[in-house]
C-alpha atoms as a PDB file:
ATOM      1  CA  UNK A   1      43.963 128.736  55.937  1.00  0.00           C
ATOM      2  CA  UNK A   2      47.512 128.489  54.600  1.00  0.00           C
ATOM      3  CA  UNK A   3      48.746 127.745  58.174  1.00  0.00           C
ATOM      4  CA  UNK A   4      46.989 124.354  58.310  1.00  0.00           C
ATOM      5  CA  UNK A   5      48.737 121.115  57.394  1.00  0.00           C
ATOM      6  CA  UNK A   6      47.883 117.436  57.405  1.00  0.00           C
ATOM      7  CA  UNK A   7      48.672 115.476  60.548  1.00  0.00           C
ATOM      8  CA  UNK A   8      51.183 112.769  59.808  1.00  0.00           C
ATOM      9  CA  UNK A   9      50.578 109.435  61.569  1.00  0.00           C
ATOM     10  CA  UNK A  10      53.247 108.471  64.105  1.00  0.00           C
ATOM     11  CA  UNK A  11      55.998 106.179  62.816  1.00  0.00           C
ATOM     12  CA  UNK A  12      55.390 102.453  63.140  1.00  0.00           C
ATOM     13  CA  UNK A  13      57.002 100.813  66.152  1.00  0.00           C
ATOM     14  CA  UNK A  14      60.027  98.682  65.381  1.00  0.00           C
ATOM     15  CA  UNK A  15      59.238  95.836  67.781  1.00  0.00           C
ATOM     16  CA  UNK A  16      56.487  93.225  67.888  1.00  0.00           C
ATOM     17  CA  UNK A  17      53.802  93.779  70.499  1.00  0.00           C
ATOM     18  CA  UNK A  18      53.189  91.041  73.032  1.00  0.00           C
ATOM     19  CA  UNK A  19      49.829  90.039  74.459  1.00  0.00           C
ATOM     20  CA  UNK A  20      50.884  91.493  77.816  1.00  0.00           C
ATOM     21  CA  UNK A  21      51.628  94.889  76.248  1.00  0.00           C
ATOM     22  CA  UNK A  22      48.229  94.977  74.548  1.00  0.00           C
ATOM     23  CA  UNK A  23      46.587  94.005  77.811  1.00  0.00           C
ATOM     24  CA  UNK A  24      48.379  96.384  80.183  1.00  0.00           C
ATOM     25  CA  UNK A  25      50.256  98.918  78.062  1.00  0.00           C
ATOM     26  CA  UNK A  26      53.939  99.765  78.464  1.00  0.00           C
ATOM     27  CA  UNK A  27      55.704  99.073  81.740  1.00  0.00           C
ATOM     28  CA  UNK A  28      55.643 101.954  84.230  1.00  0.00           C
ATOM     29  CA  UNK A  29      58.823 102.774  86.103  1.00  0.00           C
ATOM     30  CA  UNK A  30      58.323 102.139  89.848  1.00  0.00           C
ATOM     31  CA  UNK A  31      59.406 105.689  90.678  1.00  0.00           C
ATOM     32  CA  UNK A  32      56.711 107.066  88.375  1.00  0.00           C
ATOM     33  CA  UNK A  33      54.110 104.656  89.756  1.00  0.00           C
ATOM     34  CA  UNK A  34      54.833 105.710  93.341  1.00  0.00           C
ATOM     35  CA  UNK A  35      54.016 109.317  92.442  1.00  0.00           C
ATOM     36  CA  UNK A  36      50.430 108.225  91.739  1.00  0.00           C
ATOM     37  CA  UNK A  37      49.973 106.593  95.157  1.00  0.00           C
ATOM     38  CA  UNK A  38      47.304 107.669  97.566  1.00  0.00           C
ATOM     39  CA  UNK A  39      48.195 107.943 101.240  1.00  0.00           C
ATOM     40  CA  UNK A  40      46.834 104.420 101.785  1.00  0.00           C
ATOM     41  CA  UNK A  41      48.878 103.039  98.866  1.00  0.00           C
ATOM     42  CA  UNK A  42      51.978 104.707 100.242  1.00  0.00           C
ATOM     43  CA  UNK A  43      51.419 103.293 103.722  1.00  0.00           C
ATOM     44  CA  UNK A  44      51.037  99.752 102.347  1.00  0.00           C
ATOM     45  CA  UNK A  45      54.187 100.171 100.248  1.00  0.00           C
ATOM     46  CA  UNK A  46      56.129 101.396 103.277  1.00  0.00           C
ATOM     47  CA  UNK A  47      54.859  98.495 105.400  1.00  0.00           C
ATOM     48  CA  UNK A  48      56.027  96.029 102.730  1.00  0.00           C
ATOM     49  CA  UNK A  49      59.424  97.689 102.527  1.00  0.00           C
ATOM     50  CA  UNK A  50      59.858  97.951 106.288  1.00  0.00           C
ATOM     51  CA  UNK A  51      58.668  94.444 107.139  1.00  0.00           C
ATOM     52  CA  UNK A  52      61.004  92.714 104.674  1.00  0.00           C
ATOM     53  CA  UNK A  53      63.392  95.087 102.894  1.00  0.00           C
ATOM     54  CA  UNK A  54      64.655  96.921 105.975  1.00  0.00           C
ATOM     55  CA  UNK A  55      65.157  93.699 107.907  1.00  0.00           C
ATOM     56  CA  UNK A  56      67.818  92.715 105.393  1.00  0.00           C
ATOM     57  CA  UNK A  57      69.925  95.678 106.586  1.00  0.00           C
ATOM     58  CA  UNK A  58      70.960  93.632 109.652  1.00  0.00           C
ATOM     59  CA  UNK A  59      68.451  95.192 112.035  1.00  0.00           C
ATOM     60  CA  UNK A  60      67.574  93.031 115.029  1.00  0.00           C
ATOM     61  CA  UNK A  61      63.992  94.227 114.709  1.00  0.00           C
ATOM     62  CA  UNK A  62      61.853  96.726 112.820  1.00  0.00           C
ATOM     63  CA  UNK A  63      58.812  98.381 114.394  1.00  0.00           C
ATOM     64  CA  UNK A  64      56.268 100.987 113.386  1.00  0.00           C
ATOM     65  CA  UNK A  65      55.083 103.602 115.875  1.00  0.00           C
ATOM     66  CA  UNK A  66      51.633 104.986 115.151  1.00  0.00           C
ATOM     67  CA  UNK A  67      49.180 107.331 116.781  1.00  0.00           C
ATOM     68  CA  UNK A  68      49.319 110.959 117.775  1.00  0.00           C
ATOM     69  CA  UNK A  69      51.864 110.337 120.542  1.00  0.00           C
ATOM     70  CA  UNK A  70      54.595 108.766 118.401  1.00  0.00           C
ATOM     71  CA  UNK A  71      57.203 111.161 119.903  1.00  0.00           C
ATOM     72  CA  UNK A  72      58.839 111.667 116.538  1.00  0.00           C
ATOM     73  CA  UNK A  73      59.276 107.990 115.721  1.00  0.00           C
ATOM     74  CA  UNK A  74      57.806 106.310 112.634  1.00  0.00           C
ATOM     75  CA  UNK A  75      59.582 103.241 111.209  1.00  0.00           C
ATOM     76  CA  UNK A  76      62.334 102.238 113.619  1.00  0.00           C
ATOM     77  CA  UNK A  77      65.149  99.769 113.022  1.00  0.00           C
ATOM     78  CA  UNK A  78      66.904  98.432 116.132  1.00  0.00           C
ATOM     79  CA  UNK A  79      70.525  97.340 115.927  1.00  0.00           C
ATOM     80  CA  UNK A  80      70.644  95.660 119.357  1.00  0.00           C
ATOM     81  CA  UNK A  81      68.508  94.399 122.228  1.00  0.00           C
ATOM     82  CA  UNK A  82      68.617  97.767 124.010  1.00  0.00           C
ATOM     83  CA  UNK A  83      66.041  99.035 121.505  1.00  0.00           C
ATOM     84  CA  UNK A  84      65.427 102.791 122.003  1.00  0.00           C
ATOM     85  CA  UNK A  85      68.210 102.926 124.578  1.00  0.00           C
ATOM     86  CA  UNK A  86      70.662 101.362 122.162  1.00  0.00           C
ATOM     87  CA  UNK A  87      71.579 101.931 118.527  1.00  0.00           C
ATOM     88  CA  UNK A  88      68.565 102.604 116.296  1.00  0.00           C
ATOM     89  CA  UNK A  89      67.596 104.349 113.086  1.00  0.00           C
ATOM     90  CA  UNK A  90      64.398 106.259 112.387  1.00  0.00           C
ATOM     91  CA  UNK A  91      62.638 106.478 109.011  1.00  0.00           C
ATOM     92  CA  UNK A  92      60.110 109.296 108.973  1.00  0.00           C
ATOM     93  CA  UNK A  93      57.756 108.413 106.122  1.00  0.00           C
ATOM     94  CA  UNK A  94      55.637 111.295 104.843  1.00  0.00           C
ATOM     95  CA  UNK A  95      53.054 111.404 102.061  1.00  0.00           C
ATOM     96  CA  UNK A  96      52.391 114.846 100.646  1.00  0.00           C
ATOM     97  CA  UNK A  97      51.482 116.127  97.192  1.00  0.00           C
ATOM     98  CA  UNK A  98      54.730 118.101  97.112  1.00  0.00           C
ATOM     99  CA  UNK A  99      58.421 117.545  97.830  1.00  0.00           C
ATOM    100  CA  UNK A 100      59.075 117.956 101.549  1.00  0.00           C
ATOM    101  CA  UNK A 101      59.479 121.592 102.612  1.00  0.00           C
ATOM    102  CA  UNK A 102      61.530 122.725 105.586  1.00  0.00           C
ATOM    103  CA  UNK A 103      58.237 123.449 107.345  1.00  0.00           C
ATOM    104  CA  UNK A 104      57.308 119.750 107.044  1.00  0.00           C
ATOM    105  CA  UNK A 105      60.551 118.752 108.737  1.00  0.00           C
ATOM    106  CA  UNK A 106      60.961 121.293 111.532  1.00  0.00           C
ATOM    107  CA  UNK A 107      58.393 119.818 113.985  1.00  0.00           C
ATOM    108  CA  UNK A 108      59.767 116.288 113.413  1.00  0.00           C
ATOM    109  CA  UNK A 109      63.309 117.425 114.157  1.00  0.00           C
ATOM    110  CA  UNK A 110      62.010 119.272 117.225  1.00  0.00           C
ATOM    111  CA  UNK A 111      60.411 116.091 118.587  1.00  0.00           C
ATOM    112  CA  UNK A 112      63.666 114.144 118.304  1.00  0.00           C
ATOM    113  CA  UNK A 113      65.516 116.906 120.141  1.00  0.00           C
ATOM    114  CA  UNK A 114      62.934 117.250 122.916  1.00  0.00           C
ATOM    115  CA  UNK A 115      62.230 113.599 123.622  1.00  0.00           C
ATOM    116  CA  UNK A 116      65.873 112.552 123.509  1.00  0.00           C
ATOM    117  CA  UNK A 117      66.676 115.430 125.883  1.00  0.00           C
ATOM    118  CA  UNK A 118      64.054 114.002 128.245  1.00  0.00           C
ATOM    119  CA  UNK A 119      65.652 110.537 127.919  1.00  0.00           C
ATOM    120  CA  UNK A 120      62.565 108.917 126.391  1.00  0.00           C
ATOM    121  CA  UNK A 121      65.147 107.457 124.034  1.00  0.00           C
ATOM    122  CA  UNK A 122      68.752 108.042 123.084  1.00  0.00           C
ATOM    123  CA  UNK A 123      69.130 109.968 119.827  1.00  0.00           C
ATOM    124  CA  UNK A 124      68.897 107.719 116.757  1.00  0.00           C
ATOM    125  CA  UNK A 125      72.068 106.853 114.909  1.00  0.00           C
ATOM    126  CA  UNK A 126      70.404 108.136 111.734  1.00  0.00           C
ATOM    127  CA  UNK A 127      67.120 109.852 110.935  1.00  0.00           C
ATOM    128  CA  UNK A 128      65.837 109.610 107.359  1.00  0.00           C
ATOM    129  CA  UNK A 129      63.049 111.588 105.722  1.00  0.00           C
ATOM    130  CA  UNK A 130      61.247 109.288 103.269  1.00  0.00           C
ATOM    131  CA  UNK A 131      58.666 110.698 100.858  1.00  0.00           C
ATOM    132  CA  UNK A 132      57.462 109.788  97.347  1.00  0.00           C
ATOM    133  CA  UNK A 133      58.547 113.175  95.994  1.00  0.00           C
ATOM    134  CA  UNK A 134      61.594 113.206  98.263  1.00  0.00           C
ATOM    135  CA  UNK A 135      62.883 116.408  99.868  1.00  0.00           C
ATOM    136  CA  UNK A 136      62.624 119.695  98.031  1.00  0.00           C
ATOM    137  CA  UNK A 137      65.650 121.774  97.103  1.00  0.00           C
ATOM    138  CA  UNK A 138      65.650 123.989 100.190  1.00  0.00           C
ATOM    139  CA  UNK A 139      65.266 121.157 102.695  1.00  0.00           C
ATOM    140  CA  UNK A 140      67.852 119.064 100.830  1.00  0.00           C
ATOM    141  CA  UNK A 141      70.326 121.924 101.078  1.00  0.00           C
ATOM    142  CA  UNK A 142      69.796 122.190 104.819  1.00  0.00           C
ATOM    143  CA  UNK A 143      70.170 118.428 105.296  1.00  0.00           C
ATOM    144  CA  UNK A 144      73.420 118.517 103.330  1.00  0.00           C
ATOM    145  CA  UNK A 145      74.815 121.356 105.445  1.00  0.00           C
ATOM    146  CA  UNK A 146      74.761 120.452 109.148  1.00  0.00           C
ATOM    147  CA  UNK A 147      75.753 123.911 110.525  1.00  0.00           C
ATOM    148  CA  UNK A 148      73.107 125.599 108.365  1.00  0.00           C
ATOM    149  CA  UNK A 149      70.474 123.066 109.452  1.00  0.00           C
ATOM    150  CA  UNK A 150      71.238 123.618 113.120  1.00  0.00           C
ATOM    151  CA  UNK A 151      71.217 127.412 112.735  1.00  0.00           C
ATOM    152  CA  UNK A 152      67.881 127.355 110.903  1.00  0.00           C
ATOM    153  CA  UNK A 153      66.236 125.073 113.482  1.00  0.00           C
ATOM    154  CA  UNK A 154      67.244 127.538 116.188  1.00  0.00           C
ATOM    155  CA  UNK A 155      66.095 130.497 114.079  1.00  0.00           C
ATOM    156  CA  UNK A 156      62.593 129.126 113.404  1.00  0.00           C
ATOM    157  CA  UNK A 157      62.058 127.459 116.787  1.00  0.00           C
ATOM    158  CA  UNK A 158      59.605 129.964 118.246  1.00  0.00           C
ATOM    159  CA  UNK A 159      57.637 130.336 115.024  1.00  0.00           C
ATOM    160  CA  UNK A 160      57.619 126.783 113.556  1.00  0.00           C
ATOM    161  CA  UNK A 161      58.537 124.264 116.236  1.00  0.00           C
ATOM    162  CA  UNK A 162      57.856 125.044 119.894  1.00  0.00           C
ATOM    163  CA  UNK A 163      54.044 124.696 119.639  1.00  0.00           C
ATOM    164  CA  UNK A 164      54.131 121.559 117.466  1.00  0.00           C
ATOM    165  CA  UNK A 165      56.079 119.082 119.614  1.00  0.00           C
ATOM    166  CA  UNK A 166      53.422 118.229 122.187  1.00  0.00           C
ATOM    167  CA  UNK A 167      49.797 119.244 122.649  1.00  0.00           C
ATOM    168  CA  UNK A 168      50.250 119.903 126.339  1.00  0.00           C
ATOM    169  CA  UNK A 169      52.908 122.610 126.336  1.00  0.00           C
ATOM    170  CA  UNK A 170      55.000 124.974 124.312  1.00  0.00           C
ATOM    171  CA  UNK A 171      58.606 123.777 124.331  1.00  0.00           C
ATOM    172  CA  UNK A 172      60.885 126.743 124.884  1.00  0.00           C
ATOM    173  CA  UNK A 173      64.439 126.681 123.611  1.00  0.00           C
ATOM    174  CA  UNK A 174      66.158 127.803 126.801  1.00  0.00           C
ATOM    175  CA  UNK A 175      68.309 126.623 129.676  1.00  0.00           C
ATOM    176  CA  UNK A 176      69.613 123.085 129.731  1.00  0.00           C
ATOM    177  CA  UNK A 177      67.517 122.192 126.701  1.00  0.00           C
ATOM    178  CA  UNK A 178      69.108 124.985 124.641  1.00  0.00           C
ATOM    179  CA  UNK A 179      72.556 123.713 125.667  1.00  0.00           C
ATOM    180  CA  UNK A 180      71.501 120.181 124.627  1.00  0.00           C
ATOM    181  CA  UNK A 181      70.350 121.382 121.202  1.00  0.00           C
ATOM    182  CA  UNK A 182      73.581 123.338 120.739  1.00  0.00           C
ATOM    183  CA  UNK A 183      75.633 120.173 121.370  1.00  0.00           C
ATOM    184  CA  UNK A 184      73.362 117.878 119.356  1.00  0.00           C
ATOM    185  CA  UNK A 185      74.732 116.086 116.272  1.00  0.00           C
ATOM    186  CA  UNK A 186      72.449 117.383 113.505  1.00  0.00           C
ATOM    187  CA  UNK A 187      74.225 115.246 110.909  1.00  0.00           C
ATOM    188  CA  UNK A 188      71.883 112.365 111.815  1.00  0.00           C
ATOM    189  CA  UNK A 189      69.121 114.048 109.781  1.00  0.00           C
ATOM    190  CA  UNK A 190      69.271 112.902 106.169  1.00  0.00           C
ATOM    191  CA  UNK A 191      67.184 112.659 103.014  1.00  0.00           C
ATOM    192  CA  UNK A 192      66.404 109.144 101.805  1.00  0.00           C
ATOM    193  CA  UNK A 193      66.565 108.680  98.030  1.00  0.00           C
ATOM    194  CA  UNK A 194      63.342 106.975  96.992  1.00  0.00           C
ATOM    195  CA  UNK A 195      65.130 104.847  94.387  1.00  0.00           C
ATOM    196  CA  UNK A 196      67.105 103.308  97.263  1.00  0.00           C
ATOM    197  CA  UNK A 197      63.829 102.456  98.971  1.00  0.00           C
ATOM    198  CA  UNK A 198      62.549 100.859  95.763  1.00  0.00           C
ATOM    199  CA  UNK A 199      65.790  98.890  95.414  1.00  0.00           C
ATOM    200  CA  UNK A 200      65.395  97.571  98.963  1.00  0.00           C
ATOM    201  CA  UNK A 201      61.741  96.789  98.220  1.00  0.00           C
ATOM    202  CA  UNK A 202      62.976  94.475  95.447  1.00  0.00           C
ATOM    203  CA  UNK A 203      64.198  92.155  98.186  1.00  0.00           C
ATOM    204  CA  UNK A 204      60.624  91.709  99.436  1.00  0.00           C
ATOM    205  CA  UNK A 205      58.090  89.163  98.136  1.00  0.00           C
ATOM    206  CA  UNK A 206      55.763  92.066  97.260  1.00  0.00           C
ATOM    207  CA  UNK A 207      57.800  93.783  94.557  1.00  0.00           C
ATOM    208  CA  UNK A 208      56.597  91.808  91.538  1.00  0.00           C
ATOM    209  CA  UNK A 209      52.918  91.996  92.441  1.00  0.00           C
ATOM    210  CA  UNK A 210      53.252  95.749  93.006  1.00  0.00           C
ATOM    211  CA  UNK A 211      55.504  96.770  90.111  1.00  0.00           C
ATOM    212  CA  UNK A 212      55.541  93.781  87.731  1.00  0.00           C
ATOM    213  CA  UNK A 213      58.518  92.809  85.647  1.00  0.00           C
ATOM    214  CA  UNK A 214      58.299  89.038  85.972  1.00  0.00           C
ATOM    215  CA  UNK A 215      60.508  86.536  87.729  1.00  0.00           C
ATOM    216  CA  UNK A 216      64.205  86.267  86.811  1.00  0.00           C
ATOM    217  CA  UNK A 217      65.518  83.236  84.898  1.00  0.00           C
ATOM    218  CA  UNK A 218      65.288  80.101  86.970  1.00  0.00           C
ATOM    219  CA  UNK A 219      68.390  78.027  87.777  1.00  0.00           C
ATOM    220  CA  UNK A 220      68.450  74.455  86.563  1.00  0.00           C
ATOM    221  CA  UNK A 221      67.342  72.047  89.301  1.00  0.00           C
ATOM    222  CA  UNK A 222      69.895  69.622  90.614  1.00  0.00           C
ATOM    223  CA  UNK A 223      69.625  65.847  90.489  1.00  0.00           C
ATOM    224  CA  UNK A 224      68.023  64.096  93.469  1.00  0.00           C
ATOM    225  CA  UNK A 225      70.464  62.822  96.099  1.00  0.00           C
ATOM    226  CA  UNK A 226      71.405  59.165  96.045  1.00  0.00           C
ATOM    227  CA  UNK A 227      69.987  58.601  99.519  1.00  0.00           C
ATOM    228  CA  UNK A 228      66.319  59.299 100.078  1.00  0.00           C
ATOM    229  CA  UNK A 229      65.808  62.370 102.257  1.00  0.00           C
ATOM    230  CA  UNK A 230      63.436  62.442 105.217  1.00  0.00           C
ATOM    231  CA  UNK A 231      61.210  64.967 103.419  1.00  0.00           C
ATOM    232  CA  UNK A 232      60.526  62.326 100.738  1.00  0.00           C
ATOM    233  CA  UNK A 233      59.201  59.689 103.100  1.00  0.00           C
ATOM    234  CA  UNK A 234      55.522  60.398 102.519  1.00  0.00           C
ATOM    235  CA  UNK A 235      55.363  60.217  98.748  1.00  0.00           C
ATOM    236  CA  UNK A 236      57.981  57.424  98.586  1.00  0.00           C
ATOM    237  CA  UNK A 237      55.864  55.275 100.906  1.00  0.00           C
ATOM    238  CA  UNK A 238      52.829  55.875  98.691  1.00  0.00           C
ATOM    239  CA  UNK A 239      54.824  55.069  95.545  1.00  0.00           C
ATOM    240  CA  UNK A 240      56.043  51.772  96.967  1.00  0.00           C
ATOM    241  CA  UNK A 241      52.451  50.927  97.898  1.00  0.00           C
ATOM    242  CA  UNK A 242      51.423  51.682  94.299  1.00  0.00           C
ATOM    243  CA  UNK A 243      54.147  49.393  92.943  1.00  0.00           C
ATOM    244  CA  UNK A 244      53.098  46.680  95.394  1.00  0.00           C
ATOM    245  CA  UNK A 245      49.515  47.011  94.177  1.00  0.00           C
ATOM    246  CA  UNK A 246      50.681  46.730  90.562  1.00  0.00           C
ATOM    247  CA  UNK A 247      52.972  43.730  91.147  1.00  0.00           C
ATOM    248  CA  UNK A 248      50.595  42.036  93.580  1.00  0.00           C
ATOM    249  CA  UNK A 249      53.411  41.536  96.064  1.00  0.00           C
ATOM    250  CA  UNK A 250      54.981  43.670  98.803  1.00  0.00           C
ATOM    251  CA  UNK A 251      57.705  46.125  97.768  1.00  0.00           C
ATOM    252  CA  UNK A 252      59.548  47.631 100.725  1.00  0.00           C
ATOM    253  CA  UNK A 253      62.469  49.337  98.976  1.00  0.00           C
ATOM    254  CA  UNK A 254      63.104  50.599  95.445  1.00  0.00           C
ATOM    255  CA  UNK A 255      65.923  48.091  94.915  1.00  0.00           C
ATOM    256  CA  UNK A 256      63.279  45.366  94.741  1.00  0.00           C
ATOM    257  CA  UNK A 257      61.805  46.882  91.560  1.00  0.00           C
ATOM    258  CA  UNK A 258      62.471  45.636  88.053  1.00  0.00           C
ATOM    259  CA  UNK A 259      64.107  47.820  85.421  1.00  0.00           C
ATOM    260  CA  UNK A 260      60.934  49.520  84.117  1.00  0.00           C
ATOM    261  CA  UNK A 261      59.514  50.390  87.522  1.00  0.00           C
ATOM    262  CA  UNK A 262      62.945  51.361  88.860  1.00  0.00           C
ATOM    263  CA  UNK A 263      63.269  53.856  86.020  1.00  0.00           C
ATOM    264  CA  UNK A 264      59.762  55.131  86.755  1.00  0.00           C
ATOM    265  CA  UNK A 265      60.699  55.514  90.424  1.00  0.00           C
ATOM    266  CA  UNK A 266      63.789  57.545  89.505  1.00  0.00           C
ATOM    267  CA  UNK A 267      61.724  59.836  87.271  1.00  0.00           C
ATOM    268  CA  UNK A 268      59.315  60.491  90.140  1.00  0.00           C
ATOM    269  CA  UNK A 269      62.165  61.568  92.391  1.00  0.00           C
ATOM    270  CA  UNK A 270      63.534  63.829  89.649  1.00  0.00           C
ATOM    271  CA  UNK A 271      60.106  65.410  89.229  1.00  0.00           C
ATOM    272  CA  UNK A 272      59.704  65.872  92.992  1.00  0.00           C
ATOM    273  CA  UNK A 273      63.035  67.685  93.261  1.00  0.00           C
ATOM    274  CA  UNK A 274      62.154  69.733  90.175  1.00  0.00           C
ATOM    275  CA  UNK A 275      59.036  70.966  91.974  1.00  0.00           C
ATOM    276  CA  UNK A 276      61.010  71.545  95.164  1.00  0.00           C
ATOM    277  CA  UNK A 277      63.463  73.714  93.240  1.00  0.00           C
ATOM    278  CA  UNK A 278      60.549  75.832  92.013  1.00  0.00           C
ATOM    279  CA  UNK A 279      59.192  76.177  95.545  1.00  0.00           C
ATOM    280  CA  UNK A 280      62.585  77.362  96.823  1.00  0.00           C
ATOM    281  CA  UNK A 281      63.140  79.626  93.792  1.00  0.00           C
ATOM    282  CA  UNK A 282      59.929  81.618  94.323  1.00  0.00           C
ATOM    283  CA  UNK A 283      59.920  81.514  98.132  1.00  0.00           C
ATOM    284  CA  UNK A 284      61.306  85.032  98.689  1.00  0.00           C
ATOM    285  CA  UNK A 285      60.227  86.488  95.353  1.00  0.00           C
ATOM    286  CA  UNK A 286      56.434  86.305  95.518  1.00  0.00           C
ATOM    287  CA  UNK A 287      53.852  86.822  98.198  1.00  0.00           C
ATOM    288  CA  UNK A 288      53.208  84.102 100.745  1.00  0.00           C
ATOM    289  CA  UNK A 289      50.768  81.493  99.472  1.00  0.00           C
ATOM    290  CA  UNK A 290      51.586  81.911  95.761  1.00  0.00           C
ATOM    291  CA  UNK A 291      53.294  78.535  95.397  1.00  0.00           C
ATOM    292  CA  UNK A 292      50.602  76.905  97.516  1.00  0.00           C
ATOM    293  CA  UNK A 293      47.983  78.325  95.152  1.00  0.00           C
ATOM    294  CA  UNK A 294      49.853  76.619  92.285  1.00  0.00           C
ATOM    295  CA  UNK A 295      49.635  73.357  94.211  1.00  0.00           C
ATOM    296  CA  UNK A 296      45.910  73.971  94.633  1.00  0.00           C
ATOM    297  CA  UNK A 297      45.516  74.480  90.884  1.00  0.00           C
ATOM    298  CA  UNK A 298      47.287  71.201  90.208  1.00  0.00           C
ATOM    299  CA  UNK A 299      45.183  69.418  92.819  1.00  0.00           C
ATOM    300  CA  UNK A 300      41.925  70.681  91.345  1.00  0.00           C
ATOM    301  CA  UNK A 301      43.111  69.652  87.888  1.00  0.00           C
ATOM    302  CA  UNK A 302      43.995  66.073  88.826  1.00  0.00           C
ATOM    303  CA  UNK A 303      41.758  65.063  91.726  1.00  0.00           C
ATOM    304  CA  UNK A 304      38.982  63.685  89.508  1.00  0.00           C
ATOM    305  CA  UNK A 305      41.549  61.631  87.624  1.00  0.00           C
ATOM    306  CA  UNK A 306      42.902  60.382  90.932  1.00  0.00           C
ATOM    307  CA  UNK A 307      39.415  59.452  92.178  1.00  0.00           C
ATOM    308  CA  UNK A 308      38.525  57.585  88.966  1.00  0.00           C
ATOM    309  CA  UNK A 309      38.807  53.821  88.628  1.00  0.00           C
ATOM    310  CA  UNK A 310      42.234  52.470  87.681  1.00  0.00           C
ATOM    311  CA  UNK A 311      43.629  48.978  87.303  1.00  0.00           C
ATOM    312  CA  UNK A 312      46.028  49.534  90.220  1.00  0.00           C
ATOM    313  CA  UNK A 313      47.957  52.160  92.148  1.00  0.00           C
ATOM    314  CA  UNK A 314      50.776  52.405  89.634  1.00  0.00           C
ATOM    315  CA  UNK A 315      48.316  53.051  86.794  1.00  0.00           C
ATOM    316  CA  UNK A 316      46.726  55.774  88.952  1.00  0.00           C
ATOM    317  CA  UNK A 317      50.135  57.452  89.432  1.00  0.00           C
ATOM    318  CA  UNK A 318      50.765  57.399  85.686  1.00  0.00           C
ATOM    319  CA  UNK A 319      47.310  58.797  84.895  1.00  0.00           C
ATOM    320  CA  UNK A 320      47.443  61.565  87.508  1.00  0.00           C
ATOM    321  CA  UNK A 321      50.974  62.765  86.743  1.00  0.00           C
ATOM    322  CA  UNK A 322      50.259  62.632  83.021  1.00  0.00           C
ATOM    323  CA  UNK A 323      47.147  64.737  83.520  1.00  0.00           C
ATOM    324  CA  UNK A 324      49.101  67.216  85.652  1.00  0.00           C
ATOM    325  CA  UNK A 325      51.737  67.749  82.971  1.00  0.00           C
ATOM    326  CA  UNK A 326      49.046  68.775  80.477  1.00  0.00           C
ATOM    327  CA  UNK A 327      47.372  71.388  82.685  1.00  0.00           C
ATOM    328  CA  UNK A 328      47.754  74.847  81.040  1.00  0.00           C
ATOM    329  CA  UNK A 329      47.739  77.062  84.199  1.00  0.00           C
ATOM    330  CA  UNK A 330      47.667  80.119  81.916  1.00  0.00           C
ATOM    331  CA  UNK A 331      46.176  82.427  84.540  1.00  0.00           C
ATOM    332  CA  UNK A 332      48.554  81.558  87.355  1.00  0.00           C
ATOM    333  CA  UNK A 333      51.311  84.088  88.211  1.00  0.00           C
ATOM    334  CA  UNK A 334      53.966  81.347  88.168  1.00  0.00           C
ATOM    335  CA  UNK A 335      52.991  80.004  84.753  1.00  0.00           C
ATOM    336  CA  UNK A 336      56.122  81.280  82.988  1.00  0.00           C
ATOM    337  CA  UNK A 337      58.421  79.673  85.546  1.00  0.00           C
ATOM    338  CA  UNK A 338      56.588  76.339  85.757  1.00  0.00           C
ATOM    339  CA  UNK A 339      57.628  73.385  83.583  1.00  0.00           C
ATOM    340  CA  UNK A 340      55.875  70.042  83.011  1.00  0.00           C
ATOM    341  CA  UNK A 341      58.215  68.304  85.467  1.00  0.00           C
ATOM    342  CA  UNK A 342      57.156  70.804  88.150  1.00  0.00           C
ATOM    343  CA  UNK A 343      53.495  69.889  87.633  1.00  0.00           C
ATOM    344  CA  UNK A 344      54.470  66.225  87.771  1.00  0.00           C
ATOM    345  CA  UNK A 345      56.496  66.723  90.944  1.00  0.00           C
ATOM    346  CA  UNK A 346      53.771  68.759  92.632  1.00  0.00           C
ATOM    347  CA  UNK A 347      51.612  65.629  92.537  1.00  0.00           C
ATOM    348  CA  UNK A 348      54.160  63.986  94.830  1.00  0.00           C
ATOM    349  CA  UNK A 349      54.272  67.065  97.046  1.00  0.00           C
ATOM    350  CA  UNK A 350      50.487  66.697  97.336  1.00  0.00           C
ATOM    351  CA  UNK A 351      51.001  63.032  98.203  1.00  0.00           C
ATOM    352  CA  UNK A 352      53.473  64.113 100.884  1.00  0.00           C
ATOM    353  CA  UNK A 353      50.772  66.413 102.267  1.00  0.00           C
ATOM    354  CA  UNK A 354      48.201  63.583 102.307  1.00  0.00           C
ATOM    355  CA  UNK A 355      46.094  65.264  99.617  1.00  0.00           C
ATOM    356  CA  UNK A 356      46.649  62.552  97.012  1.00  0.00           C
ATOM    357  CA  UNK A 357      47.053  58.808  97.421  1.00  0.00           C
ATOM    358  CA  UNK A 358      47.511  56.049  94.886  1.00  0.00           C
ATOM    359  CA  UNK A 359      45.959  52.959  96.457  1.00  0.00           C
ATOM    360  CA  UNK A 360      42.387  52.488  97.607  1.00  0.00           C
END
């Protein structure tokens, strides 16, 4: 019994917990999170990365080849209009519960050799193995040593490769094909570091919804231009109609307004451009439709106010934009990047889209 001792409680943390930490726990590094992915999760992640992240590497097009007859191609990036007869890179994306072994790679290398020999395509400029647990030590050593890789492919051909290239025949390493393999540039085969893939995925609109972390600080919006832009025509027309309703006389241009209404008009333009700056800021950072869902939230929050009775169109504008600025939006993913002026300005975006109007 002398070997037992009391268990001391862990030391108190030195920082204050946030509501988000209590809700979701500590942030998980993307590399660690990827290791928990199922095959379906991995495929979705790769599709997100390929459809947006890879395209930023100056490829003319990115395609995925699927099915049993993919001929060694998986995610392909084309550098020119010649496609598979031009300059292209191949990303072989594998999902296993272990780091890639040489045995996982040999048939894939064999396919590239065989199908390029048969002129189905020219050899890729680069061929990357992409896997959540990356390449194991042995395969990494081969990929880093081109002569050793070539020698090993030849050595294991009959045992590991020849029967795994096509279902219709065994591919023998002999004759003209053997000469082709001997002259082939094996340096194209490389290991892709998964952190590089994650870094490229950051350039996609899917990164935050997949890994979290929040939006970066938002730049300050600029002042509206002196001249009214064509994209403002819808809400400006509706505003002038509201002022006309209030003044009981036609108002065709803002210069016809008195001081109070002219100042109000200027504030509406500032709010509109504030909302536009938010739309542009999040455009490539969140999934498609996220900003539009914020507009929908604003619309649902103000439409009853808009439909209520008001003394005139101007009073309706004031009531609706005032209501919009008070909406909490606490559950929306853009809540921490949205300011009262954005909510105000979104009302005018909705007017531009014919969803709100100020005069009956």
